Structures are given as structure tokens and as C-alpha cells.
């Protein structure tokens, strides 16, 4: 615990947040303040909760925050789907970001399982 910057899943979440900020700066997306703000906040929440979870004193506490991060990843995936469906992002961007998000979600599941089984 306490070395969250070394966690691959945290690094991937940081890359996702950076990518989300870049795509939400584009013209149509940036005009929709509500959607733009929501997806940015969800993406930031993923990395932030991974960091907070890894800094917690017990595995039980860590798992709680990793689950929040996993939930925020599902939010990002949902918002990406909406952004794609309404034309804010193209198919290539959508698939890249969705794949990044799914990778993070799967990594969090493994991390949760690992930390849940430790005493």
C-alpha cells in the first residue's frame, strides 16, 4: 500500500483522464457543459479513488475505494457511449477510450479480488 503511482491501473487511469480532457476540449463536446463536466469528473474520480484506496490502512478500506473507482469507470463508459451516439466523438475515439476504460475496469476487478483475499 501507499505506492499508488507504481500501480499500472493508476497509470492507465491517469492516461484515460488525460484523454477525456483532450476530447472534451473539442468544439461540440466543449459546448455541452453538463456532459463535459460529468465525464471529466468521472474520469478524474477513477484515478483519484485508486490513489485514495491504495493509501488506506486496511485492505477492506482499499477495496471500498477501488469499488468506487470501478463504478466511476462504468460512468465513463456510459458517458462515452452517449457522446458517441449524439455525435460528439467519432467511432475511433469512442472505441479507443472505451477499450481503455474496459481495461481499467478489468484491472480493478483483479485488484479488488486480490486485496479482498488478503487478511
C-alpha atoms as a PDB file:
ATOM      1  CA  UNK A   1       0.000   0.000   0.000  1.00  0.00           C
ATOM      2  CA  UNK A   2       0.986   3.611  -0.382  1.00  0.00           C
ATOM      3  CA  UNK A   3       2.748   3.374  -3.700  1.00  0.00           C
ATOM      4  CA  UNK A   4      -0.217   4.107  -5.938  1.00  0.00           C
ATOM      5  CA  UNK A   5       1.922   5.792  -8.599  1.00  0.00           C
ATOM      6  CA  UNK A   6       3.523   2.393  -9.236  1.00  0.00           C
ATOM      7  CA  UNK A   7       0.171   0.717  -9.849  1.00  0.00           C
ATOM      8  CA  UNK A   8      -0.335   0.095 -13.562  1.00  0.00           C
ATOM      9  CA  UNK A   9      -4.072   0.618 -13.137  1.00  0.00           C
ATOM     10  CA  UNK A  10      -3.474   4.097 -11.661  1.00  0.00           C
ATOM     11  CA  UNK A  11      -1.179   4.970 -14.577  1.00  0.00           C
ATOM     12  CA  UNK A  12      -3.831   3.750 -17.036  1.00  0.00           C
ATOM     13  CA  UNK A  13      -6.493   5.797 -15.226  1.00  0.00           C
ATOM     14  CA  UNK A  14      -4.311   8.895 -15.486  1.00  0.00           C
ATOM     15  CA  UNK A  15      -3.943   8.299 -19.243  1.00  0.00           C
ATOM     16  CA  UNK A  16      -7.714   7.914 -19.536  1.00  0.00           C
ATOM     17  CA  UNK A  17      -8.373  11.162 -17.646  1.00  0.00           C
ATOM     18  CA  UNK A  18      -5.884  12.990 -19.854  1.00  0.00           C
ATOM     19  CA  UNK A  19      -7.558  11.601 -22.973  1.00  0.00           C
ATOM     20  CA  UNK A  20     -11.026  12.557 -21.734  1.00  0.00           C
ATOM     21  CA  UNK A  21      -9.876  16.133 -21.123  1.00  0.00           C
ATOM     22  CA  UNK A  22      -8.444  16.294 -24.643  1.00  0.00           C
ATOM     23  CA  UNK A  23     -11.612  15.050 -26.350  1.00  0.00           C
ATOM     24  CA  UNK A  24     -13.890  17.271 -24.267  1.00  0.00           C
ATOM     25  CA  UNK A  25     -11.995  20.354 -25.462  1.00  0.00           C
ATOM     26  CA  UNK A  26     -13.261  19.764 -28.993  1.00  0.00           C
ATOM     27  CA  UNK A  27     -15.913  22.150 -30.295  1.00  0.00           C
ATOM     28  CA  UNK A  28     -19.233  20.300 -29.979  1.00  0.00           C
ATOM     29  CA  UNK A  29     -18.325  18.489 -26.787  1.00  0.00           C
ATOM     30  CA  UNK A  30     -16.964  21.591 -25.054  1.00  0.00           C
ATOM     31  CA  UNK A  31     -20.215  23.475 -25.649  1.00  0.00           C
ATOM     32  CA  UNK A  32     -22.175  20.898 -23.637  1.00  0.00           C
ATOM     33  CA  UNK A  33     -21.049  21.973 -20.182  1.00  0.00           C
ATOM     34  CA  UNK A  34     -23.098  19.376 -18.295  1.00  0.00           C
ATOM     35  CA  UNK A  35     -21.902  16.379 -20.289  1.00  0.00           C
ATOM     36  CA  UNK A  36     -18.342  17.700 -20.481  1.00  0.00           C
ATOM     37  CA  UNK A  37     -18.169  18.293 -16.738  1.00  0.00           C
ATOM     38  CA  UNK A  38     -19.733  14.932 -15.878  1.00  0.00           C
ATOM     39  CA  UNK A  39     -17.366  12.791 -17.943  1.00  0.00           C
ATOM     40  CA  UNK A  40     -14.332  14.776 -16.766  1.00  0.00           C
ATOM     41  CA  UNK A  41     -15.341  14.364 -13.124  1.00  0.00           C
ATOM     42  CA  UNK A  42     -15.953  10.628 -13.582  1.00  0.00           C
ATOM     43  CA  UNK A  43     -12.560  10.138 -15.268  1.00  0.00           C
ATOM     44  CA  UNK A  44     -10.758  12.066 -12.532  1.00  0.00           C
ATOM     45  CA  UNK A  45     -12.647  10.031  -9.927  1.00  0.00           C
ATOM     46  CA  UNK A  46     -11.209   6.783 -11.281  1.00  0.00           C
ATOM     47  CA  UNK A  47      -7.572   7.753 -10.722  1.00  0.00           C
ATOM     48  CA  UNK A  48      -8.328   9.642  -7.507  1.00  0.00           C
ATOM     49  CA  UNK A  49     -10.116   6.726  -5.862  1.00  0.00           C
ATOM     50  CA  UNK A  50      -7.384   4.291  -6.857  1.00  0.00           C
ATOM     51  CA  UNK A  51      -4.858   6.584  -5.169  1.00  0.00           C
ATOM     52  CA  UNK A  52      -7.020   7.061  -2.090  1.00  0.00           C
ATOM     53  CA  UNK A  53      -7.698   3.350  -1.829  1.00  0.00           C
ATOM     54  CA  UNK A  54      -4.047   2.459  -2.029  1.00  0.00           C
ATOM     55  CA  UNK A  55      -3.242   4.949   0.722  1.00  0.00           C
ATOM     56  CA  UNK A  56      -5.770   3.465   3.153  1.00  0.00           C
ATOM     57  CA  UNK A  57      -4.573   1.471   6.132  1.00  0.00           C
ATOM     58  CA  UNK A  58      -6.500  -1.736   5.565  1.00  0.00           C
ATOM     59  CA  UNK A  59      -7.374  -3.900   2.606  1.00  0.00           C
ATOM     60  CA  UNK A  60     -11.074  -3.524   3.478  1.00  0.00           C
ATOM     61  CA  UNK A  61     -10.805   0.265   3.173  1.00  0.00           C
ATOM     62  CA  UNK A  62      -8.741  -0.051  -0.006  1.00  0.00           C
ATOM     63  CA  UNK A  63     -11.302  -2.325  -1.620  1.00  0.00           C
ATOM     64  CA  UNK A  64     -14.066   0.174  -0.831  1.00  0.00           C
ATOM     65  CA  UNK A  65     -12.295   2.908  -2.807  1.00  0.00           C
ATOM     66  CA  UNK A  66     -11.307   0.556  -5.622  1.00  0.00           C
ATOM     67  CA  UNK A  67     -15.003  -0.316  -5.983  1.00  0.00           C
ATOM     68  CA  UNK A  68     -15.840   3.384  -6.221  1.00  0.00           C
ATOM     69  CA  UNK A  69     -13.178   3.710  -8.934  1.00  0.00           C
ATOM     70  CA  UNK A  70     -14.717   0.747 -10.768  1.00  0.00           C
ATOM     71  CA  UNK A  71     -18.125   2.421 -10.573  1.00  0.00           C
ATOM     72  CA  UNK A  72     -16.671   5.650 -11.948  1.00  0.00           C
ATOM     73  CA  UNK A  73     -15.183   3.643 -14.809  1.00  0.00           C
ATOM     74  CA  UNK A  74     -18.681   2.399 -15.641  1.00  0.00           C
ATOM     75  CA  UNK A  75     -19.835   6.036 -15.616  1.00  0.00           C
ATOM     76  CA  UNK A  76     -17.111   6.969 -18.097  1.00  0.00           C
ATOM     77  CA  UNK A  77     -18.080   4.058 -20.360  1.00  0.00           C
ATOM     78  CA  UNK A  78     -21.735   5.112 -20.261  1.00  0.00           C
ATOM     79  CA  UNK A  79     -20.920   8.750 -20.994  1.00  0.00           C
ATOM     80  CA  UNK A  80     -18.618   7.744 -23.861  1.00  0.00           C
ATOM     81  CA  UNK A  81     -21.475   5.743 -25.346  1.00  0.00           C
ATOM     82  CA  UNK A  82     -23.776   8.752 -25.097  1.00  0.00           C
ATOM     83  CA  UNK A  83     -21.124  11.080 -26.561  1.00  0.00           C
ATOM     84  CA  UNK A  84     -20.671   8.718 -29.498  1.00  0.00           C
ATOM     85  CA  UNK A  85     -24.401   8.267 -30.069  1.00  0.00           C
ATOM     86  CA  UNK A  86     -25.040  12.008 -30.184  1.00  0.00           C
ATOM     87  CA  UNK A  87     -22.046  12.716 -32.405  1.00  0.00           C
ATOM     88  CA  UNK A  88     -19.603  14.360 -30.002  1.00  0.00           C
ATOM     89  CA  UNK A  89     -16.897  11.796 -30.717  1.00  0.00           C
ATOM     90  CA  UNK A  90     -16.131   9.606 -33.712  1.00  0.00           C
ATOM     91  CA  UNK A  91     -16.052   5.821 -33.743  1.00  0.00           C
ATOM     92  CA  UNK A  92     -12.255   5.567 -33.491  1.00  0.00           C
ATOM     93  CA  UNK A  93     -12.097   7.849 -30.457  1.00  0.00           C
ATOM     94  CA  UNK A  94     -15.024   6.075 -28.850  1.00  0.00           C
ATOM     95  CA  UNK A  95     -13.516   2.615 -29.307  1.00  0.00           C
ATOM     96  CA  UNK A  96     -10.092   3.714 -28.046  1.00  0.00           C
ATOM     97  CA  UNK A  97     -11.498   5.311 -24.890  1.00  0.00           C
ATOM     98  CA  UNK A  98     -13.968   2.515 -24.259  1.00  0.00           C
ATOM     99  CA  UNK A  99     -11.196  -0.088 -24.575  1.00  0.00           C
ATOM    100  CA  UNK A 100      -9.010   1.898 -22.157  1.00  0.00           C
ATOM    101  CA  UNK A 101     -11.917   2.062 -19.719  1.00  0.00           C
ATOM    102  CA  UNK A 102     -12.692  -1.649 -20.000  1.00  0.00           C
ATOM    103  CA  UNK A 103      -9.021  -2.485 -19.371  1.00  0.00           C
ATOM    104  CA  UNK A 104      -9.078  -0.336 -16.222  1.00  0.00           C
ATOM    105  CA  UNK A 105     -12.328  -1.930 -15.071  1.00  0.00           C
ATOM    106  CA  UNK A 106     -10.875  -5.428 -15.508  1.00  0.00           C
ATOM    107  CA  UNK A 107      -7.656  -4.445 -13.709  1.00  0.00           C
ATOM    108  CA  UNK A 108      -9.651  -3.013 -10.814  1.00  0.00           C
ATOM    109  CA  UNK A 109     -11.658  -6.216 -10.547  1.00  0.00           C
ATOM    110  CA  UNK A 110      -8.412  -8.199 -10.249  1.00  0.00           C
ATOM    111  CA  UNK A 111      -7.013  -5.754  -7.700  1.00  0.00           C
ATOM    112  CA  UNK A 112     -10.238  -5.917  -5.676  1.00  0.00           C
ATOM    113  CA  UNK A 113     -10.164  -9.715  -5.740  1.00  0.00           C
ATOM    114  CA  UNK A 114      -6.504  -9.755  -4.671  1.00  0.00           C
ATOM    115  CA  UNK A 115      -6.983  -7.280  -1.821  1.00  0.00           C
ATOM    116  CA  UNK A 116     -10.234  -8.932  -0.699  1.00  0.00           C
ATOM    117  CA  UNK A 117      -8.464 -12.243  -0.164  1.00  0.00           C
ATOM    118  CA  UNK A 118      -5.667 -10.777   1.964  1.00  0.00           C
ATOM    119  CA  UNK A 119      -6.038 -10.586   5.705  1.00  0.00           C
END
